Protein backbone atom coordinates (compact mmCIF):
# COMPACT_ATOMS: atom_id res chain seq x y z
CA UNK A 1 119.73 87.70 105.82
CA UNK A 2 116.79 86.24 103.93
CA UNK A 3 117.13 88.67 101.04
CA UNK A 4 120.36 86.98 99.97
CA UNK A 5 118.76 83.53 99.73
CA UNK A 6 115.95 84.81 97.52
CA UNK A 7 118.42 86.75 95.39
CA UNK A 8 120.83 83.81 95.10
CA UNK A 9 118.23 81.57 93.53
CA UNK A 10 117.07 84.22 91.08
CA UNK A 11 120.54 85.12 89.82
CA UNK A 12 121.47 81.44 89.52
CA UNK A 13 118.40 80.85 87.34
CA UNK A 14 118.88 83.92 85.16
CA UNK A 15 122.58 83.20 84.68
CA UNK A 16 121.69 79.72 83.49
CA UNK A 17 119.12 81.15 81.08
CA UNK A 18 121.59 83.74 79.82
CA UNK A 19 124.05 81.01 78.90
CA UNK A 20 121.56 79.87 76.27
CA UNK A 21 121.26 83.28 74.67
CA UNK A 22 123.68 84.94 72.28
CA UNK A 23 124.43 88.57 71.56
CA UNK A 24 126.53 91.51 72.73
CA UNK A 25 125.12 91.32 76.26
CA UNK A 26 125.89 87.63 76.73
CA UNK A 27 129.02 88.38 78.78
CA UNK A 28 127.51 91.24 80.73
CA UNK A 29 126.19 89.46 83.80
CA UNK A 30 126.31 90.87 87.33
CA UNK A 31 129.53 90.52 89.29
CA UNK A 32 128.94 87.20 91.08
CA UNK A 33 128.06 85.16 88.01
CA UNK A 34 130.66 86.07 85.39
CA UNK A 35 132.81 83.42 83.74
CA UNK A 36 130.64 80.61 85.03
CA UNK A 37 131.23 81.50 88.67
CA UNK A 38 128.39 81.75 91.20
CA UNK A 39 127.71 83.82 94.26
CA UNK A 40 128.88 82.37 97.54
CA UNK A 41 126.06 79.90 98.31
CA UNK A 42 126.67 76.25 97.54
CA UNK A 43 124.87 74.42 94.75
CA UNK A 44 123.26 72.13 97.32
CA UNK A 45 121.64 75.14 99.01
CA UNK A 46 120.34 76.35 95.66
CA UNK A 47 118.94 72.93 94.82
CA UNK A 48 117.19 72.84 98.18
CA UNK A 49 115.71 76.29 97.54
CA UNK A 50 114.50 75.15 94.13
CA UNK A 51 112.78 72.16 95.71
CA UNK A 52 111.27 73.91 98.72
CA UNK A 53 110.20 77.41 97.62
CA UNK A 54 109.68 77.69 93.87
CA UNK A 55 106.24 79.30 94.16
CA UNK A 56 107.59 82.25 96.12
CA UNK A 57 109.98 83.29 93.36
CA UNK A 58 108.22 82.70 90.04
CA UNK A 59 104.99 84.51 89.16
CA UNK A 60 104.32 82.33 86.12
CA UNK A 61 105.85 81.06 82.90
CA UNK A 62 106.43 82.33 79.38
CA UNK A 63 104.99 80.78 76.24
CA UNK A 64 107.98 78.41 76.12
CA UNK A 65 107.71 77.59 79.82
CA UNK A 66 110.53 79.79 81.10
CA UNK A 67 109.81 80.84 84.73
CA UNK A 68 109.24 84.54 85.31
CA UNK A 69 111.58 84.93 88.26
CA UNK A 70 111.08 87.73 90.76
CA UNK A 71 113.57 89.02 93.32
CA UNK A 72 112.03 90.26 96.57
CA UNK A 73 114.35 92.45 98.61
CA UNK A 74 113.22 93.14 102.16
CA UNK A 75 114.27 92.59 105.75
CA UNK A 76 111.22 90.29 105.96
CA UNK A 77 110.66 88.81 102.47
CA UNK A 78 107.44 86.91 102.01
CA UNK A 79 105.89 88.42 105.15
CA UNK A 80 103.13 91.00 105.23
CA UNK A 81 104.02 94.26 106.95
CA UNK A 82 102.43 97.73 107.15
CA UNK A 83 104.91 98.89 104.51
CA UNK A 84 104.47 99.88 100.86
CA UNK A 85 105.52 97.61 98.00
CA UNK A 86 107.36 98.79 94.88
CA UNK A 87 108.17 96.80 91.73
CA UNK A 88 110.54 97.15 88.80
CA UNK A 89 109.90 95.23 85.57
CA UNK A 90 112.49 94.89 82.82
CA UNK A 91 112.73 93.36 79.35
CA UNK A 92 109.01 93.80 78.50
CA UNK A 93 110.22 93.93 74.92
CA UNK A 94 112.66 91.15 74.15
CA UNK A 95 114.97 93.34 72.07
CA UNK A 96 115.37 95.88 74.90
CA UNK A 97 117.60 94.03 77.39
CA UNK A 98 119.32 96.97 79.12
CA UNK A 99 116.61 97.11 81.79
CA UNK A 100 117.09 93.41 82.52
CA UNK A 101 120.82 93.90 83.07
CA UNK A 102 120.47 97.06 85.16
CA UNK A 103 117.86 95.51 87.44
CA UNK A 104 120.17 92.60 88.20
CA UNK A 105 122.89 95.09 89.03
CA UNK A 106 120.43 97.03 91.21
CA UNK A 107 119.58 93.94 93.24
CA UNK A 108 123.27 93.12 93.62
CA UNK A 109 124.11 96.67 94.68
CA UNK A 110 121.38 96.89 97.33
CA UNK A 111 122.38 93.56 98.86
CA UNK A 112 126.08 94.43 98.78
CA UNK A 113 125.57 97.88 100.32
CA UNK A 114 122.75 97.23 102.78
CA UNK A 115 125.02 97.42 105.81
CA UNK A 116 126.96 100.50 104.71
CA UNK A 117 124.67 102.73 102.64
CA UNK A 118 121.78 104.64 104.21
CA UNK A 119 119.67 104.63 101.03
CA UNK A 120 120.03 100.87 100.58
CA UNK A 121 119.11 100.38 104.24
CA UNK A 122 116.09 102.67 103.91
CA UNK A 123 114.77 100.62 100.98
CA UNK A 124 115.39 97.22 102.59
CA UNK A 125 113.89 98.13 105.96
CA UNK A 126 110.90 100.21 104.84
CA UNK A 127 109.84 98.92 101.42
CA UNK A 128 109.04 95.52 99.97
CA UNK A 129 110.98 95.83 96.71
CA UNK A 130 110.14 93.35 93.94
CA UNK A 131 112.23 93.07 90.78
CA UNK A 132 111.16 91.14 87.67
CA UNK A 133 114.29 91.43 85.48
CA UNK A 134 112.70 89.82 82.43
CA UNK A 135 108.98 89.77 81.69
CA UNK A 136 109.72 88.45 78.20
CA UNK A 137 112.49 85.82 78.38
CA UNK A 138 111.37 84.18 75.13
CA UNK A 139 111.65 87.47 73.25
CA UNK A 140 115.09 87.98 74.79
CA UNK A 141 116.27 84.60 73.54
CA UNK A 142 114.81 85.33 70.09
CA UNK A 143 116.04 88.92 70.17
CA UNK A 144 112.58 90.06 69.09
CA UNK A 145 110.26 92.77 70.42
CA UNK A 146 107.30 90.45 70.98
CA UNK A 147 107.09 87.20 72.89
CA UNK A 148 107.27 83.72 71.36
CA UNK A 149 103.84 84.33 69.78
CA UNK A 150 105.13 87.62 68.33
CA UNK A 151 102.76 89.62 70.55
CA UNK A 152 103.84 92.99 71.96
CA UNK A 153 103.25 92.51 75.69
CA UNK A 154 102.91 96.26 76.19
CA UNK A 155 99.79 96.19 73.99
CA UNK A 156 98.28 93.09 75.61
CA UNK A 157 96.59 94.55 78.71
CA UNK A 158 92.91 95.57 78.96
CA UNK A 159 92.44 99.13 77.72
CA UNK A 160 90.21 101.84 79.19
CA UNK A 161 89.19 103.40 75.88
CA UNK A 162 88.79 100.45 73.53
CA UNK A 163 87.71 96.82 74.06
CA UNK A 164 91.18 95.42 73.44
CA UNK A 165 92.33 92.19 75.04
CA UNK A 166 89.09 91.66 76.95
CA UNK A 167 89.16 87.94 76.17
CA UNK A 168 91.24 86.52 79.00
CA UNK A 169 91.76 83.28 77.09
CA UNK A 170 93.47 85.18 74.26
CA UNK A 171 95.78 87.06 76.62
CA UNK A 172 99.44 86.07 76.65
CA UNK A 173 100.74 83.98 79.60
CA UNK A 174 103.28 86.65 80.53
CA UNK A 175 100.52 89.27 80.70
CA UNK A 176 98.27 87.03 82.77
CA UNK A 177 101.14 86.33 85.14
CA UNK A 178 101.69 90.04 85.84
CA UNK A 179 97.97 90.67 86.28
CA UNK A 180 97.63 87.79 88.73
CA UNK A 181 100.74 89.00 90.57
CA UNK A 182 99.09 92.37 91.20
CA UNK A 183 95.97 90.67 92.51
CA UNK A 184 98.11 88.95 95.14
CA UNK A 185 100.31 91.89 96.14
CA UNK A 186 99.13 95.47 96.58
CA UNK A 187 101.86 97.57 94.97
CA UNK A 188 101.82 101.30 95.65
CA UNK A 189 104.13 102.23 92.76
CA UNK A 190 106.24 100.71 90.02
CA UNK A 191 108.24 101.29 86.86
CA UNK A 192 108.97 99.31 83.72
CA UNK A 193 112.30 99.73 81.93
CA UNK A 194 112.54 100.09 78.14
CA UNK A 195 115.06 101.16 75.50
CA UNK A 196 115.09 103.29 72.37
CA UNK A 197 114.81 106.74 73.96
CA UNK A 198 115.79 108.68 77.08
CA UNK A 199 112.69 109.90 78.95
CA UNK A 200 110.39 109.15 81.89
CA UNK A 201 106.87 108.54 80.56
CA UNK A 202 103.67 108.84 82.65
CA UNK A 203 99.87 108.31 82.11
CA UNK A 204 97.74 108.49 80.20
CA UNK A 205 99.32 106.52 77.38
CA UNK A 206 96.27 106.77 75.10
CA UNK A 207 93.46 109.14 74.17
CA UNK A 208 89.78 108.54 73.66
CA UNK A 209 89.87 109.84 70.08
CA UNK A 210 93.24 108.23 69.22
CA UNK A 211 94.77 111.63 68.53
CA UNK A 212 98.20 112.64 69.74
CA UNK A 213 97.77 115.21 72.50
CA UNK A 214 98.41 115.70 76.21
CA UNK A 215 95.87 113.52 78.02
CA UNK A 216 96.20 113.92 81.78
CA UNK A 217 95.12 111.33 84.34
CA UNK A 218 93.61 112.41 87.70
CA UNK A 219 97.03 112.29 89.38
CA UNK A 220 98.89 114.21 86.69
CA UNK A 221 100.78 116.41 89.17
CA UNK A 222 101.90 113.40 91.20
CA UNK A 223 103.06 111.52 88.11
CA UNK A 224 105.00 114.53 86.88
CA UNK A 225 106.67 114.71 90.28
CA UNK A 226 107.57 110.99 90.18
CA UNK A 227 108.90 111.22 86.61
CA UNK A 228 110.99 114.24 87.57
CA UNK A 229 112.58 112.33 90.46
CA UNK A 230 113.92 109.82 87.97
CA UNK A 231 114.88 112.38 85.35
CA UNK A 232 116.66 114.77 87.71
CA UNK A 233 118.59 111.93 89.36
CA UNK A 234 119.79 110.68 85.97
CA UNK A 235 123.12 111.70 84.44
CA UNK A 236 121.58 113.61 81.53
CA UNK A 237 117.91 112.69 81.07
CA UNK A 238 116.67 116.04 82.40
CA UNK A 239 118.82 117.86 79.82
CA UNK A 240 116.82 116.43 76.92
CA UNK A 241 116.02 118.83 74.07
CA UNK A 242 113.21 116.62 72.78
CA UNK A 243 111.43 116.17 76.13
CA UNK A 244 111.41 119.22 78.45
CA UNK A 245 112.80 118.18 81.81
CA UNK A 246 113.27 114.64 80.49
CA UNK A 247 109.64 113.67 81.12
CA UNK A 248 106.58 113.24 78.92
CA UNK A 249 102.90 112.41 78.97
CA UNK A 250 102.55 109.16 77.03
CA UNK A 251 99.68 110.25 74.81
CA UNK A 252 101.47 113.49 73.99
CA UNK A 253 104.52 111.51 72.83
CA UNK A 254 102.57 108.90 70.85
CA UNK A 255 99.35 107.14 71.90
CA UNK A 256 99.37 103.41 72.62
CA UNK A 257 96.55 101.10 73.70
CA UNK A 258 96.64 97.98 75.83
CA UNK A 259 99.66 99.27 77.77
CA UNK A 260 100.75 97.99 81.17
CA UNK A 261 101.25 101.46 82.69
CA UNK A 262 97.64 102.65 82.46
CA UNK A 263 96.27 99.25 83.50
CA UNK A 264 98.35 99.39 86.71
CA UNK A 265 96.93 102.76 87.67
CA UNK A 266 93.30 101.97 86.80
CA UNK A 267 92.90 98.40 87.98
CA UNK A 268 95.65 97.76 90.54
CA UNK A 269 95.95 101.07 92.41
CA UNK A 270 99.60 101.21 91.38
CA UNK A 271 101.32 104.39 90.16
CA UNK A 272 103.51 103.16 87.30
CA UNK A 273 106.03 104.95 85.10
CA UNK A 274 107.45 103.76 81.78
CA UNK A 275 111.18 104.52 81.79
CA UNK A 276 113.12 104.76 78.53
CA UNK A 277 116.66 104.37 79.84
CA UNK A 278 118.88 103.93 76.77
CA UNK A 279 118.67 105.38 73.28
CA UNK A 280 120.45 102.29 71.98
CA UNK A 281 118.17 99.28 72.46
CA UNK A 282 120.94 96.67 72.37
CA UNK A 283 124.29 98.30 73.18
CA UNK A 284 127.62 96.55 73.50
CA UNK A 285 128.31 94.89 76.81
CA UNK A 286 131.17 97.26 77.59
CA UNK A 287 128.67 100.14 77.76
CA UNK A 288 126.72 98.58 80.65
CA UNK A 289 128.89 99.96 83.47
CA UNK A 290 128.30 103.49 82.15
CA UNK A 291 124.57 102.92 81.71
CA UNK A 292 124.43 101.56 85.26
CA UNK A 293 126.17 104.62 86.68
CA UNK A 294 123.86 106.93 84.71
CA UNK A 295 120.71 105.19 86.04
CA UNK A 296 121.75 103.95 89.50
CA UNK A 297 120.67 106.95 91.57
CA UNK A 298 117.49 107.34 89.51
CA UNK A 299 116.44 103.76 90.30
CA UNK A 300 117.29 104.11 93.98
CA UNK A 301 115.69 107.52 94.45
CA UNK A 302 112.49 106.50 92.67
CA UNK A 303 112.06 103.46 94.89
CA UNK A 304 112.96 105.40 98.04
CA UNK A 305 110.52 108.19 97.15
CA UNK A 306 107.73 105.78 98.01
CA UNK A 307 108.43 106.32 101.71
CA UNK A 308 110.24 109.67 101.61
CA UNK A 309 107.22 111.55 100.19
CA UNK A 310 103.43 111.37 100.22
CA UNK A 311 101.09 110.46 103.07
CA UNK A 312 101.10 107.12 104.85
CA UNK A 313 99.07 105.72 107.69
CA UNK A 314 96.53 103.21 108.95
CA UNK A 315 92.78 103.18 109.52
CA UNK A 316 91.30 101.94 112.81
CA UNK A 317 87.89 101.43 114.36
CA UNK A 318 87.17 103.57 117.42
CA UNK A 319 84.92 100.98 119.05
CA UNK A 320 87.23 97.97 118.79
CA UNK A 321 90.65 99.34 117.89
CA UNK A 322 90.77 96.87 115.01
CA UNK A 323 92.33 97.86 111.66
CA UNK A 324 89.82 98.71 108.94
CA UNK A 325 90.58 97.97 105.25
CA UNK A 326 89.00 101.24 104.15
CA UNK A 327 89.87 103.74 101.44
CA UNK A 328 91.55 107.13 101.23
CA UNK A 329 90.63 109.82 98.73
CA UNK A 330 91.76 113.38 98.03
CA UNK A 331 89.26 116.16 97.34
CA UNK A 332 89.54 117.28 93.73
CA UNK A 333 91.31 114.10 92.57
CA UNK A 334 89.05 111.40 91.14
CA UNK A 335 91.05 108.46 92.45
CA UNK A 336 90.84 106.25 95.54
CA UNK A 337 93.62 104.36 97.29
CA UNK A 338 92.65 101.25 99.22
CA UNK A 339 94.17 100.31 102.55
CA UNK A 340 95.74 96.89 102.95
CA UNK A 341 93.58 93.99 104.03
CA UNK A 342 95.80 92.84 106.88
CA UNK A 343 97.16 95.94 108.59
CA UNK A 344 94.83 98.51 106.98
CA UNK A 345 97.88 100.54 105.93
CA UNK A 346 97.62 102.95 103.00
CA UNK A 347 100.31 104.73 101.02
CA UNK A 348 99.14 107.72 99.00
CA UNK A 349 101.67 109.34 96.66
CA UNK A 350 101.13 113.08 96.21
CA UNK A 351 103.07 116.01 94.82
CA UNK A 352 104.61 117.99 97.72
CA UNK A 353 104.20 121.69 98.38
CA UNK A 354 100.41 121.62 98.21
CA UNK A 355 97.43 121.64 100.56
CA UNK A 356 95.13 118.64 100.44
CA UNK A 357 91.81 117.59 101.94
CA UNK A 358 92.11 113.90 102.81
CA UNK A 359 89.12 111.66 103.55
CA UNK A 360 89.07 108.10 104.93
CA UNK A 361 86.00 105.94 104.40
CA UNK A 362 84.81 102.46 105.33
CA UNK A 363 81.34 100.90 104.87
CA UNK A 364 79.51 100.91 108.19
CA UNK A 365 81.61 103.80 109.55
CA UNK A 366 81.38 107.57 109.45
CA UNK A 367 83.87 109.09 107.00
CA UNK A 368 86.49 111.39 108.43
CA UNK A 369 88.16 114.32 106.68
CA UNK A 370 91.19 116.43 107.52
CA UNK A 371 93.16 119.17 105.76
CA UNK A 372 96.92 118.94 105.51
CA UNK A 373 99.81 120.93 104.11
CA UNK A 374 102.19 118.42 102.53
CA UNK A 375 105.83 119.42 102.54
CA UNK A 376 108.80 117.63 100.95
CA UNK A 377 109.01 114.96 103.65
CA UNK A 378 106.47 112.20 104.03
CA UNK A 379 103.62 112.59 106.49
CA UNK A 380 102.05 109.93 108.70
CA UNK A 381 98.28 110.36 108.87
CA UNK A 382 96.28 107.76 110.82
CA UNK A 383 92.48 107.71 110.91
CA UNK A 384 90.18 106.47 113.68
CA UNK A 385 86.65 105.99 112.34
CA UNK A 386 83.47 105.89 114.39
CA UNK A 387 80.73 103.34 113.65
CA UNK A 388 77.58 104.69 112.07
CA UNK A 389 74.51 105.17 114.26
CA UNK A 390 71.19 104.02 112.77
CA UNK A 391 67.96 105.98 113.10
CA UNK A 392 66.94 103.73 115.99
CA UNK A 393 70.08 104.66 117.85
CA UNK A 394 71.87 101.34 117.67
CA UNK A 395 75.54 101.23 116.72
CA UNK A 396 76.51 99.66 113.38
CA UNK A 397 79.90 98.02 113.17
CA UNK A 398 81.31 95.41 110.82
CA UNK A 399 82.96 93.89 113.87
CA UNK A 400 79.61 93.37 115.66
CA UNK A 401 78.17 89.88 115.87
CA UNK A 402 75.08 89.26 113.73
CA UNK A 403 71.83 88.04 115.24
CA UNK A 404 68.22 87.46 114.19
CA UNK A 405 65.75 90.35 114.37
CA UNK A 406 63.91 88.75 117.27
CA UNK A 407 66.96 87.86 119.35
CA UNK A 408 66.63 88.20 123.09
CA UNK A 409 68.84 91.27 123.43
CA UNK A 410 66.82 93.27 120.91
CA UNK A 411 63.55 92.34 122.63
CA UNK A 412 65.06 93.35 125.96
CA UNK A 413 66.05 96.77 124.59
CA UNK A 414 62.60 97.38 123.16
CA UNK A 415 60.95 96.56 126.46
CA UNK A 416 63.33 98.54 128.61
CA UNK A 417 63.95 101.86 126.88
CA UNK A 418 65.32 103.49 130.03
CA UNK A 419 67.93 100.79 130.49
CA UNK A 420 68.73 101.11 126.79
CA UNK A 421 69.36 104.86 127.18
CA UNK A 422 71.72 104.25 130.11
CA UNK A 423 73.62 101.65 128.09
CA UNK A 424 74.09 104.13 125.24
CA UNK A 425 75.46 106.79 127.58
CA UNK A 426 77.88 104.32 129.15
CA UNK A 427 78.95 103.09 125.70
CA UNK A 428 79.68 106.61 124.49
CA UNK A 429 81.76 107.28 127.59
CA UNK A 430 83.73 104.05 127.09
CA UNK A 431 84.31 104.91 123.43
CA UNK A 432 85.68 108.29 124.51
CA UNK A 433 88.14 106.60 126.88
CA UNK A 434 89.13 104.06 124.21
CA UNK A 435 89.78 106.79 121.64
CA UNK A 436 92.07 108.57 124.08
CA UNK A 437 93.95 105.35 124.72
CA UNK A 438 94.26 104.64 120.98
CA UNK A 439 95.74 108.08 120.34
CA UNK A 440 98.48 107.26 122.84
CA UNK A 441 99.16 103.66 121.81
CA UNK A 442 98.95 103.57 117.99
CA UNK A 443 102.48 103.42 116.64
CA UNK A 444 103.64 105.53 113.71
CA UNK A 445 105.75 104.11 110.91
CA UNK A 446 109.33 103.64 111.98
CA UNK A 447 112.57 105.41 111.19
CA UNK A 448 111.25 107.95 108.70
CA UNK A 449 111.42 111.71 109.27
CA UNK A 450 107.68 112.26 108.94
CA UNK A 451 105.31 114.75 110.44
CA UNK A 452 102.67 112.67 112.24
CA UNK A 453 98.97 113.51 112.42
CA UNK A 454 96.04 111.52 113.74
CA UNK A 455 92.38 112.24 113.16
């Protein structure tokens, strides 16, 4: 499968980089690259992959020119599908390498168990999973929190409350690489892995007055639900005495500014958590198997929750049947999720057990609203939008061809109002037939136990 070729190159590169570093974790590489060994592909294949497809695996370079390698795990890597994308990012802080090691193990485990584990198969076949094991390879080599310029990368993103990092030329290359990555790929959710505590952190990370207090974002209930998935799946995170349930609002814990988590939610439409997965930032290598077992199901369940919960669907035009890259919003929640540009698929995470009023919109089309009761399982909710009708009675559609105001057809309609009326009646009847056909032919998302609705 393609996923193994992408993964082979990434692990080969990271294992080479790790041989330069020193420290307790030096010997703690994933099972296929210990003791100088490599996974089963030949070096000639790897060299060919390096030559042919480097741009598909690196999102940029660090200050010292180290590639920021990304693993993509999917049954169709590199191809666009009407499926959600999820990303994990590790080693944001150079002196917190546990996330880097666990993400390599996660990629190995999914590939090794794809054919025999239902959860691994669900992720591979229904999600485009991206893994950036090390956002800060220079800091890892230096064993320092910041990058090679001694900048904390989790304070280097644009901030909603204060004009921090607004100068793009002053932004660190690792930060720019992640921001550009999210402009290319529309991620629905993500998580970054850190060390020094044991808790799942969610937005907002800062407050407008810089005081330490609970500062909720519009999707506070959804983020609490996501954080609880990780915490409850963990060996002992949910048992925390410091953080009830093993989760916390970032600003309530301690405010930070210029963080990656809030930027993802505000500017990229991506629901991101900050996961503190080990109280010891740099443990001994022999502790990694235990840390992996403690976090394995949390990592898998969080990624899988992207398709096991929430509402998912596509937006279509009633007059042409074409997909529409519109938007979906929820009444009472000041946040909009955009549909994909190619397939017009949207993926809206929501806390289950609630009733929601969902609205789909697209410029040039009438908005459509429906009320749903969201249970534990995911729901498929497709929308078919009708073109707007102008005051003169002509149909507006972004798919219509443009013409000058004095084109022959318009003159004909003005001179023959009776013919024009007949054409409108016929058009409405044809639209009715087309809508009925669409309701029969539009396919729902595959293989997931969802309740399907179409409006």
